[in-house]
Amino acid sequence: MYPPLTEDAQRVLDWAVDQKLKFGDDGDITTIDLLLGIWSEVESPGHKILAAFGFSNDKAKELTSLSSEPGFVDG
């Protein structure tokens, strides 16, 4: 049995699943989906850590754009 997810972690996972469904993608949740989910939780410790390492809204948009290109492989 696995320990329960924190509230922040559950919201990130829910966000990633919702985004997949919203855009009609029935594929797996990827590391990019999780990263963008963390970024979407503005008040979370994860968001603050990403910001401290230089991640930004512009970089999130760039990552979203790159990952939607044909042939892109996350992994």
Protein backbone atom coordinates (compact mmCIF):
# COMPACT_ATOMS: atom_id res chain seq x y z
CA MET A 1 0.00 0.00 0.00
CA TYR A 2 1.24 3.46 -0.87
CA PRO A 3 0.90 6.45 1.44
CA PRO A 4 -1.75 8.99 0.42
CA LEU A 5 -0.74 11.93 -1.74
CA THR A 6 -0.48 15.37 -0.22
CA GLU A 7 -3.20 17.84 -1.19
CA ASP A 8 -0.74 19.69 -3.46
CA ALA A 9 0.33 16.46 -5.16
CA GLN A 10 -3.27 15.38 -5.70
CA ARG A 11 -4.13 18.77 -7.25
CA VAL A 12 -1.13 18.49 -9.58
CA LEU A 13 -2.18 15.02 -10.69
CA ASP A 14 -5.80 16.13 -11.13
CA TRP A 15 -4.65 19.14 -13.17
CA ALA A 16 -2.54 16.92 -15.44
CA VAL A 17 -5.43 14.51 -16.04
CA ASP A 18 -7.86 17.39 -16.65
CA GLN A 19 -5.51 18.93 -19.21
CA LYS A 20 -5.17 15.63 -21.05
CA LEU A 21 -8.95 15.26 -21.20
CA LYS A 22 -9.52 18.92 -22.06
CA PHE A 23 -7.36 18.65 -25.16
CA GLY A 24 -8.59 15.21 -26.18
CA ASP A 25 -5.34 13.44 -25.40
CA ASP A 26 -5.90 9.99 -23.99
CA GLY A 27 -2.19 9.23 -23.60
CA ASP A 28 -0.19 8.73 -20.46
CA ILE A 29 0.55 11.47 -17.96
CA THR A 30 4.15 12.51 -18.64
CA THR A 31 6.81 14.28 -16.65
CA ILE A 32 6.00 17.43 -18.61
CA ASP A 33 2.35 17.19 -17.56
CA LEU A 34 3.42 16.86 -13.93
CA LEU A 35 5.91 19.72 -14.20
CA LEU A 36 3.26 22.01 -15.68
CA GLY A 37 0.84 20.84 -13.01
CA ILE A 38 3.31 21.81 -10.31
CA TRP A 39 3.76 25.17 -12.01
CA SER A 40 -0.01 25.70 -12.05
CA GLU A 41 -0.10 25.50 -8.23
CA VAL A 42 1.21 29.02 -7.66
CA GLU A 43 1.21 28.87 -3.86
CA SER A 44 2.82 25.43 -3.63
CA PRO A 45 6.37 24.76 -2.49
CA GLY A 46 7.02 23.06 -5.83
CA HIS A 47 6.12 26.19 -7.78
CA LYS A 48 8.41 28.27 -5.57
CA ILE A 49 11.28 25.83 -6.09
CA LEU A 50 10.80 25.87 -9.87
CA ALA A 51 10.75 29.68 -9.82
CA ALA A 52 13.95 29.73 -7.76
CA PHE A 53 15.60 27.65 -10.49
CA GLY A 54 14.49 30.11 -13.16
CA PHE A 55 11.33 28.44 -14.45
CA SER A 56 8.76 31.01 -15.59
CA ASN A 57 5.42 31.38 -17.34
CA ASP A 58 7.30 31.96 -20.60
CA LYS A 59 9.24 28.73 -20.14
CA ALA A 60 6.02 26.88 -19.30
CA LYS A 61 4.46 28.16 -22.55
CA GLU A 62 7.58 27.18 -24.50
CA LEU A 63 7.54 23.70 -22.98
CA THR A 64 3.84 23.32 -23.81
CA SER A 65 4.51 24.39 -27.39
CA LEU A 66 7.50 22.10 -27.85
CA SER A 67 5.74 19.10 -26.35
CA SER A 68 2.80 19.47 -28.72
CA GLU A 69 4.98 19.27 -31.84
CA PRO A 70 4.69 16.08 -33.91
CA GLY A 71 7.32 13.53 -33.02
CA PHE A 72 8.13 15.00 -29.61
CA VAL A 73 9.02 12.29 -27.12
CA ASP A 74 8.99 12.96 -23.39
CA GLY A 75 11.44 10.77 -21.75
